[in-house]
Amino acid sequence: MDETSTTPWPPLIRDINADGQFTLSDVWLWIVQLYFVPGDAVLWVLLTYTPGLATFLELGPGSYHGLFTAMVSGGIWLVAIVIVG
């Protein structure tokens, strides 16, 4: 298995864009990174426990923060908002 598939989430650090300053762009990147957590978690489960299905769906380590994870995350966040609201 590719080593990158075992660590889908980069650490949430203060200066996430590594420009040497903490700015509003860092906050935006935090929001984007947190949005993708549910979809990236689903992708990680697929890659780790069902690699055959992941291959069939043409998913791999390069799919983190991609279209598949964006759609899955959107669905999960929508369900969470409906449940909480």
N, C-alpha and C. Protein backbone atom coordinates (compact mmCIF):
# COMPACT_ATOMS: atom_id res chain seq x y z
N MET A 1 0.84 -1.17 0.00
CA MET A 1 0.00 0.00 0.00
C MET A 1 0.89 1.24 0.00
N ASP A 2 0.44 2.27 -0.66
CA ASP A 2 1.18 3.52 -0.73
C ASP A 2 1.18 4.18 0.65
N GLU A 3 2.32 4.65 1.09
CA GLU A 3 2.44 5.26 2.41
C GLU A 3 1.55 6.50 2.54
N THR A 4 1.33 7.24 1.46
CA THR A 4 0.52 8.45 1.56
C THR A 4 -0.93 8.14 1.88
N SER A 5 -1.39 6.93 1.61
CA SER A 5 -2.78 6.61 1.91
C SER A 5 -3.01 6.40 3.40
N THR A 6 -1.95 6.26 4.19
CA THR A 6 -2.12 6.06 5.62
C THR A 6 -2.16 7.39 6.38
N THR A 7 -1.81 8.49 5.75
CA THR A 7 -1.81 9.79 6.42
C THR A 7 -2.51 10.83 5.54
N PRO A 8 -3.85 10.77 5.46
CA PRO A 8 -4.55 11.68 4.57
C PRO A 8 -4.65 13.10 5.08
N TRP A 9 -4.50 13.30 6.38
CA TRP A 9 -4.72 14.62 6.94
C TRP A 9 -3.41 15.25 7.37
N PRO A 10 -3.05 16.37 6.75
CA PRO A 10 -1.87 17.09 7.23
C PRO A 10 -2.18 17.72 8.59
N PRO A 11 -1.18 17.98 9.39
CA PRO A 11 -1.47 18.56 10.70
C PRO A 11 -2.07 19.96 10.56
N LEU A 12 -2.97 20.31 11.46
CA LEU A 12 -3.59 21.63 11.44
C LEU A 12 -2.67 22.58 12.21
N ILE A 13 -1.82 23.27 11.48
CA ILE A 13 -0.85 24.18 12.10
C ILE A 13 -1.29 25.61 11.88
N ARG A 14 -0.75 26.51 12.66
CA ARG A 14 -1.17 27.91 12.59
C ARG A 14 -0.90 28.51 11.22
N ASP A 15 0.32 28.40 10.71
CA ASP A 15 0.68 28.96 9.40
C ASP A 15 0.59 27.84 8.36
N ILE A 16 -0.64 27.52 7.97
CA ILE A 16 -0.87 26.34 7.13
C ILE A 16 -0.35 26.52 5.70
N ASN A 17 -0.27 27.75 5.21
CA ASN A 17 0.24 27.94 3.85
C ASN A 17 1.74 28.21 3.82
N ALA A 18 2.39 28.18 4.97
CA ALA A 18 3.85 28.27 5.10
C ALA A 18 4.43 29.52 4.46
N ASP A 19 3.73 30.65 4.60
CA ASP A 19 4.29 31.90 4.07
C ASP A 19 5.02 32.70 5.14
N GLY A 20 5.10 32.15 6.35
CA GLY A 20 5.82 32.81 7.43
C GLY A 20 4.97 33.76 8.25
N GLN A 21 3.69 33.91 7.89
CA GLN A 21 2.80 34.81 8.62
C GLN A 21 1.46 34.13 8.84
N PHE A 22 0.81 34.50 9.94
CA PHE A 22 -0.54 34.01 10.20
C PHE A 22 -1.51 35.06 9.68
N THR A 23 -2.26 34.71 8.64
CA THR A 23 -3.16 35.67 7.99
C THR A 23 -4.54 35.03 7.78
N LEU A 24 -5.44 35.82 7.19
CA LEU A 24 -6.78 35.34 6.89
C LEU A 24 -6.75 34.16 5.93
N SER A 25 -5.75 34.13 5.04
CA SER A 25 -5.66 32.98 4.12
C SER A 25 -5.44 31.68 4.87
N ASP A 26 -4.74 31.73 5.99
CA ASP A 26 -4.54 30.52 6.80
C ASP A 26 -5.87 30.04 7.38
N VAL A 27 -6.70 30.98 7.83
CA VAL A 27 -8.01 30.61 8.38
C VAL A 27 -8.86 29.97 7.29
N TRP A 28 -8.84 30.54 6.08
CA TRP A 28 -9.61 29.96 4.96
C TRP A 28 -9.12 28.54 4.67
N LEU A 29 -7.83 28.33 4.67
CA LEU A 29 -7.29 26.99 4.40
C LEU A 29 -7.67 26.01 5.51
N TRP A 30 -7.79 26.48 6.75
CA TRP A 30 -8.27 25.62 7.84
C TRP A 30 -9.69 25.16 7.55
N ILE A 31 -10.54 26.12 7.12
CA ILE A 31 -11.94 25.79 6.82
C ILE A 31 -12.02 24.77 5.70
N VAL A 32 -11.23 24.99 4.65
CA VAL A 32 -11.22 24.04 3.52
C VAL A 32 -10.76 22.67 3.98
N GLN A 33 -9.69 22.64 4.77
CA GLN A 33 -9.17 21.36 5.25
C GLN A 33 -10.20 20.64 6.12
N LEU A 34 -10.88 21.36 6.99
CA LEU A 34 -11.90 20.75 7.85
C LEU A 34 -13.11 20.29 7.06
N TYR A 35 -13.46 21.01 5.99
CA TYR A 35 -14.59 20.59 5.14
C TYR A 35 -14.34 19.21 4.55
N PHE A 36 -13.11 18.94 4.14
CA PHE A 36 -12.79 17.68 3.47
C PHE A 36 -12.58 16.50 4.41
N VAL A 37 -12.55 16.71 5.71
CA VAL A 37 -12.27 15.62 6.65
C VAL A 37 -13.22 14.43 6.49
N PRO A 38 -14.55 14.62 6.42
CA PRO A 38 -15.42 13.43 6.28
C PRO A 38 -15.17 12.64 5.00
N GLY A 39 -15.03 13.32 3.88
CA GLY A 39 -14.79 12.63 2.61
C GLY A 39 -13.44 11.95 2.57
N ASP A 40 -12.43 12.63 3.12
CA ASP A 40 -11.11 12.03 3.17
C ASP A 40 -11.10 10.80 4.08
N ALA A 41 -11.90 10.84 5.16
CA ALA A 41 -12.00 9.68 6.05
C ALA A 41 -12.63 8.49 5.33
N VAL A 42 -13.69 8.76 4.55
CA VAL A 42 -14.32 7.69 3.78
C VAL A 42 -13.33 7.13 2.76
N LEU A 43 -12.60 8.00 2.09
CA LEU A 43 -11.60 7.55 1.12
C LEU A 43 -10.52 6.72 1.81
N TRP A 44 -10.07 7.15 2.98
CA TRP A 44 -9.05 6.40 3.71
C TRP A 44 -9.55 5.00 4.04
N VAL A 45 -10.82 4.89 4.47
CA VAL A 45 -11.40 3.58 4.78
C VAL A 45 -11.42 2.72 3.52
N LEU A 46 -11.84 3.30 2.39
CA LEU A 46 -11.86 2.54 1.13
C LEU A 46 -10.46 2.07 0.75
N LEU A 47 -9.48 2.95 0.83
CA LEU A 47 -8.12 2.58 0.44
C LEU A 47 -7.51 1.56 1.39
N THR A 48 -7.84 1.65 2.66
CA THR A 48 -7.23 0.77 3.66
C THR A 48 -7.90 -0.59 3.72
N TYR A 49 -9.24 -0.62 3.72
CA TYR A 49 -9.95 -1.87 3.97
C TYR A 49 -10.56 -2.51 2.72
N THR A 50 -10.77 -1.74 1.67
CA THR A 50 -11.33 -2.30 0.43
C THR A 50 -10.56 -1.77 -0.78
N PRO A 51 -9.28 -2.11 -0.88
CA PRO A 51 -8.48 -1.57 -1.98
C PRO A 51 -9.00 -1.99 -3.36
N GLY A 52 -9.63 -3.15 -3.45
CA GLY A 52 -10.20 -3.58 -4.73
C GLY A 52 -11.31 -2.65 -5.18
N LEU A 53 -12.18 -2.27 -4.26
CA LEU A 53 -13.26 -1.33 -4.58
C LEU A 53 -12.70 0.04 -4.93
N ALA A 54 -11.69 0.48 -4.19
CA ALA A 54 -11.06 1.77 -4.48
C ALA A 54 -10.45 1.77 -5.88
N THR A 55 -9.81 0.66 -6.25
CA THR A 55 -9.23 0.55 -7.58
C THR A 55 -10.32 0.56 -8.64
N PHE A 56 -11.41 -0.16 -8.40
CA PHE A 56 -12.52 -0.18 -9.34
C PHE A 56 -13.10 1.22 -9.55
N LEU A 57 -13.19 1.99 -8.46
CA LEU A 57 -13.71 3.35 -8.54
C LEU A 57 -12.66 4.36 -9.01
N GLU A 58 -11.46 3.85 -9.31
CA GLU A 58 -10.33 4.67 -9.76
C GLU A 58 -9.96 5.74 -8.73
N LEU A 59 -9.94 5.32 -7.47
CA LEU A 59 -9.55 6.20 -6.38
C LEU A 59 -8.18 5.78 -5.87
N GLY A 60 -7.40 6.74 -5.48
CA GLY A 60 -6.08 6.46 -4.95
C GLY A 60 -5.65 7.58 -4.01
N PRO A 61 -4.41 7.55 -3.55
CA PRO A 61 -3.93 8.60 -2.65
C PRO A 61 -4.04 10.00 -3.24
N GLY A 62 -4.00 10.11 -4.55
CA GLY A 62 -4.14 11.42 -5.19
C GLY A 62 -5.57 11.94 -5.17
N SER A 63 -6.50 11.14 -4.68
CA SER A 63 -7.91 11.54 -4.64
C SER A 63 -8.28 12.34 -3.40
N TYR A 64 -7.36 12.42 -2.42
CA TYR A 64 -7.64 13.24 -1.24
C TYR A 64 -7.85 14.68 -1.68
N HIS A 65 -8.85 15.34 -1.10
CA HIS A 65 -9.24 16.72 -1.44
C HIS A 65 -9.67 16.83 -2.90
N GLY A 66 -10.19 15.75 -3.47
CA GLY A 66 -10.64 15.75 -4.86
C GLY A 66 -12.16 15.81 -4.96
N LEU A 67 -12.66 15.57 -6.17
CA LEU A 67 -14.09 15.64 -6.43
C LEU A 67 -14.88 14.62 -5.61
N PHE A 68 -14.39 13.38 -5.55
CA PHE A 68 -15.09 12.34 -4.79
C PHE A 68 -15.23 12.74 -3.33
N THR A 69 -14.13 13.16 -2.72
CA THR A 69 -14.19 13.52 -1.30
C THR A 69 -14.98 14.80 -1.08
N ALA A 70 -14.99 15.70 -2.04
CA ALA A 70 -15.80 16.92 -1.92
C ALA A 70 -17.28 16.57 -1.90
N MET A 71 -17.69 15.66 -2.78
CA MET A 71 -19.11 15.27 -2.83
C MET A 71 -19.51 14.51 -1.57
N VAL A 72 -18.67 13.59 -1.13
CA VAL A 72 -18.97 12.83 0.09
C VAL A 72 -19.02 13.77 1.30
N SER A 73 -18.05 14.68 1.40
CA SER A 73 -18.04 15.63 2.51
C SER A 73 -19.28 16.50 2.49
N GLY A 74 -19.65 16.99 1.31
CA GLY A 74 -20.85 17.82 1.20
C GLY A 74 -22.09 17.09 1.67
N GLY A 75 -22.22 15.83 1.28
CA GLY A 75 -23.37 15.04 1.72
C GLY A 75 -23.37 14.82 3.21
N ILE A 76 -22.23 14.50 3.77
CA ILE A 76 -22.14 14.26 5.21
C ILE A 76 -22.42 15.54 5.99
N TRP A 77 -21.83 16.67 5.55
CA TRP A 77 -22.09 17.94 6.24
C TRP A 77 -23.55 18.33 6.13
N LEU A 78 -24.18 18.09 4.98
CA LEU A 78 -25.60 18.40 4.80
C LEU A 78 -26.46 17.59 5.77
N VAL A 79 -26.19 16.29 5.85
CA VAL A 79 -26.92 15.44 6.79
C VAL A 79 -26.70 15.91 8.23
N ALA A 80 -25.47 16.26 8.57
CA ALA A 80 -25.17 16.73 9.92
C ALA A 80 -25.93 18.02 10.24
N ILE A 81 -26.00 18.93 9.28
CA ILE A 81 -26.72 20.19 9.49
C ILE A 81 -28.21 19.93 9.67
N VAL A 82 -28.77 19.03 8.86
CA VAL A 82 -30.19 18.70 8.98
C VAL A 82 -30.49 18.07 10.34
N ILE A 83 -29.61 17.18 10.79
CA ILE A 83 -29.82 16.52 12.08
C ILE A 83 -29.72 17.53 13.23
N VAL A 84 -28.73 18.39 13.17
CA VAL A 84 -28.54 19.38 14.24
C VAL A 84 -29.62 20.45 14.20
N GLY A 85 -29.98 20.87 12.97
CA GLY A 85 -30.96 21.95 12.81
C GLY A 85 -32.31 21.45 13.06
